[in-house]
Amino acid sequence: MMEEVFPVVIESVEKNLKWHWSKSVKQLTENVKTMIEEMDPNLYDKCLEEIAHKEYLAGQEDIKRKENWERLELAIWQQPKIISSSSHKNVYMSPINEQRI
């Protein structure tokens, strides 16, 4: 039972300690953390490792997403632009120096 509940509670406790704006809430959370940690120190450490691993994976996903976005922007920038002229002919412009191709 504790193995199922602990990770959820510990993750919330750690987030409160890190992000909550209220000093009194942080102090109460610190008291709860101490009590939980004393109940089962090994399980607490294991949960902290799992949280750190989740955060690492989320960071890697963020880096991957940014890299993909940059590649997409670069590919779009390197494509010729199509501009409709008043004579209804398409004019292709180079994105590098904005000259007609």
C-alpha atoms as a PDB file:
ATOM      1  CA  MET A   1       0.000   0.000   0.000  1.00  0.00           C
ATOM      2  CA  MET A   2       2.726   2.486   0.924  1.00  0.00           C
ATOM      3  CA  GLU A   3       4.607   1.725  -2.294  1.00  0.00           C
ATOM      4  CA  GLU A   4       1.577   2.917  -4.262  1.00  0.00           C
ATOM      5  CA  VAL A   5       0.802   6.048  -2.234  1.00  0.00           C
ATOM      6  CA  PHE A   6       4.311   7.226  -1.374  1.00  0.00           C
ATOM      7  CA  PRO A   7       5.397   8.293  -4.877  1.00  0.00           C
ATOM      8  CA  VAL A   8       2.338  10.496  -5.347  1.00  0.00           C
ATOM      9  CA  VAL A   9       2.634  12.106  -1.923  1.00  0.00           C
ATOM     10  CA  ILE A  10       6.379  12.594  -2.125  1.00  0.00           C
ATOM     11  CA  GLU A  11       6.172  14.176  -5.568  1.00  0.00           C
ATOM     12  CA  SER A  12       3.591  16.654  -4.245  1.00  0.00           C
ATOM     13  CA  VAL A  13       5.674  17.381  -1.156  1.00  0.00           C
ATOM     14  CA  GLU A  14       8.785  18.041  -3.250  1.00  0.00           C
ATOM     15  CA  LYS A  15       6.866  20.314  -5.637  1.00  0.00           C
ATOM     16  CA  ASN A  16       5.452  22.266  -2.708  1.00  0.00           C
ATOM     17  CA  LEU A  17       8.916  22.733  -1.238  1.00  0.00           C
ATOM     18  CA  LYS A  18      10.287  23.889  -4.559  1.00  0.00           C
ATOM     19  CA  TRP A  19       7.508  26.040  -5.991  1.00  0.00           C
ATOM     20  CA  HIS A  20       4.983  27.139  -3.361  1.00  0.00           C
ATOM     21  CA  TRP A  21       4.994  30.871  -2.681  1.00  0.00           C
ATOM     22  CA  SER A  22       3.854  30.720   0.972  1.00  0.00           C
ATOM     23  CA  LYS A  23       6.526  30.421   3.635  1.00  0.00           C
ATOM     24  CA  SER A  24       4.094  28.845   6.113  1.00  0.00           C
ATOM     25  CA  VAL A  25       3.004  26.213   3.570  1.00  0.00           C
ATOM     26  CA  LYS A  26       6.661  25.403   2.912  1.00  0.00           C
ATOM     27  CA  GLN A  27       7.309  25.019   6.647  1.00  0.00           C
ATOM     28  CA  LEU A  28       4.332  22.684   7.069  1.00  0.00           C
ATOM     29  CA  THR A  29       5.420  20.739   4.010  1.00  0.00           C
ATOM     30  CA  GLU A  30       8.912  20.394   5.468  1.00  0.00           C
ATOM     31  CA  ASN A  31       7.362  18.895   8.630  1.00  0.00           C
ATOM     32  CA  VAL A  32       5.352  16.421   6.546  1.00  0.00           C
ATOM     33  CA  LYS A  33       8.482  15.551   4.545  1.00  0.00           C
ATOM     34  CA  THR A  34      10.395  14.801   7.744  1.00  0.00           C
ATOM     35  CA  MET A  35       7.618  12.543   9.053  1.00  0.00           C
ATOM     36  CA  ILE A  36       7.313  10.639   5.772  1.00  0.00           C
ATOM     37  CA  GLU A  37      11.070  10.301   5.428  1.00  0.00           C
ATOM     38  CA  GLU A  38      11.311   8.830   8.931  1.00  0.00           C
ATOM     39  CA  MET A  39       8.581   6.276   8.143  1.00  0.00           C
ATOM     40  CA  ASP A  40      10.583   4.608   5.377  1.00  0.00           C
ATOM     41  CA  PRO A  41      13.857   6.313   4.403  1.00  0.00           C
ATOM     42  CA  ASN A  42      14.708   3.770   1.692  1.00  0.00           C
ATOM     43  CA  LEU A  43      11.357   4.144  -0.044  1.00  0.00           C
ATOM     44  CA  TYR A  44      11.629   7.919   0.218  1.00  0.00           C
ATOM     45  CA  ASP A  45      15.050   7.853  -1.469  1.00  0.00           C
ATOM     46  CA  LYS A  46      13.732   5.535  -4.164  1.00  0.00           C
ATOM     47  CA  CYS A  47      10.852   7.933  -4.850  1.00  0.00           C
ATOM     48  CA  LEU A  48      13.286  10.870  -5.081  1.00  0.00           C
ATOM     49  CA  GLU A  49      15.308   8.931  -7.643  1.00  0.00           C
ATOM     50  CA  GLU A  50      12.157   8.257  -9.672  1.00  0.00           C
ATOM     51  CA  ILE A  51      11.217  11.945  -9.547  1.00  0.00           C
ATOM     52  CA  ALA A  52      14.712  12.944 -10.679  1.00  0.00           C
ATOM     53  CA  HIS A  53      14.510  10.428 -13.534  1.00  0.00           C
ATOM     54  CA  LYS A  54      11.108  11.795 -14.631  1.00  0.00           C
ATOM     55  CA  GLU A  55      12.477  15.342 -14.587  1.00  0.00           C
ATOM     56  CA  TYR A  56      15.510  14.233 -16.613  1.00  0.00           C
ATOM     57  CA  LEU A  57      13.290  12.584 -19.230  1.00  0.00           C
ATOM     58  CA  ALA A  58      11.058  15.663 -19.389  1.00  0.00           C
ATOM     59  CA  GLY A  59      14.152  17.817 -19.931  1.00  0.00           C
ATOM     60  CA  GLN A  60      15.342  15.525 -22.724  1.00  0.00           C
ATOM     61  CA  GLU A  61      11.914  15.715 -24.375  1.00  0.00           C
ATOM     62  CA  ASP A  62      12.039  19.511 -24.147  1.00  0.00           C
ATOM     63  CA  ILE A  63      15.474  19.595 -25.780  1.00  0.00           C
ATOM     64  CA  LYS A  64      14.289  17.247 -28.536  1.00  0.00           C
ATOM     65  CA  ARG A  65      11.188  19.374 -29.148  1.00  0.00           C
ATOM     66  CA  LYS A  66      13.283  22.562 -29.407  1.00  0.00           C
ATOM     67  CA  GLU A  67      15.747  20.904 -31.800  1.00  0.00           C
ATOM     68  CA  ASN A  68      12.894  19.655 -33.993  1.00  0.00           C
ATOM     69  CA  TRP A  69      11.349  23.119 -34.028  1.00  0.00           C
ATOM     70  CA  GLU A  70      14.684  24.717 -35.014  1.00  0.00           C
ATOM     71  CA  ARG A  71      15.138  22.182 -37.840  1.00  0.00           C
ATOM     72  CA  LEU A  72      11.613  22.909 -39.056  1.00  0.00           C
ATOM     73  CA  GLU A  73      12.200  26.663 -39.009  1.00  0.00           C
ATOM     74  CA  LEU A  74      15.479  26.246 -40.882  1.00  0.00           C
ATOM     75  CA  ALA A  75      13.872  24.020 -43.517  1.00  0.00           C
ATOM     76  CA  ILE A  76      11.069  26.519 -44.013  1.00  0.00           C
ATOM     77  CA  TRP A  77      13.506  29.418 -44.253  1.00  0.00           C
ATOM     78  CA  GLN A  78      15.527  27.615 -46.909  1.00  0.00           C
ATOM     79  CA  GLN A  79      12.489  27.033 -49.151  1.00  0.00           C
ATOM     80  CA  PRO A  80      11.817  29.606 -51.867  1.00  0.00           C
ATOM     81  CA  LYS A  81       8.945  31.930 -51.138  1.00  0.00           C
ATOM     82  CA  ILE A  82       6.037  32.127 -53.572  1.00  0.00           C
ATOM     83  CA  ILE A  83       4.647  35.600 -54.046  1.00  0.00           C
ATOM     84  CA  SER A  84       1.651  36.286 -56.231  1.00  0.00           C
ATOM     85  CA  SER A  85       2.206  39.228 -58.527  1.00  0.00           C
ATOM     86  CA  SER A  86      -0.482  41.446 -59.926  1.00  0.00           C
ATOM     87  CA  SER A  87      -0.275  39.640 -63.287  1.00  0.00           C
ATOM     88  CA  HIS A  88      -1.305  36.361 -61.549  1.00  0.00           C
ATOM     89  CA  LYS A  89       2.068  34.749 -62.141  1.00  0.00           C
ATOM     90  CA  ASN A  90       3.850  33.216 -59.214  1.00  0.00           C
ATOM     91  CA  VAL A  91       7.186  34.794 -58.449  1.00  0.00           C
ATOM     92  CA  TYR A  92       9.714  32.671 -56.558  1.00  0.00           C
ATOM     93  CA  MET A  93      11.974  34.527 -54.175  1.00  0.00           C
ATOM     94  CA  SER A  94      15.136  33.215 -52.584  1.00  0.00           C
ATOM     95  CA  PRO A  95      14.917  33.440 -48.780  1.00  0.00           C
ATOM     96  CA  ILE A  96      18.636  34.200 -48.570  1.00  0.00           C
ATOM     97  CA  ASN A  97      18.781  37.522 -50.352  1.00  0.00           C
ATOM     98  CA  GLU A  98      15.166  38.112 -51.422  1.00  0.00           C
ATOM     99  CA  GLN A  99      16.050  37.997 -55.140  1.00  0.00           C
ATOM    100  CA  ARG A 100      13.865  36.507 -57.841  1.00  0.00           C
ATOM    101  CA  ILE A 101      14.748  32.997 -58.883  1.00  0.00           C
END
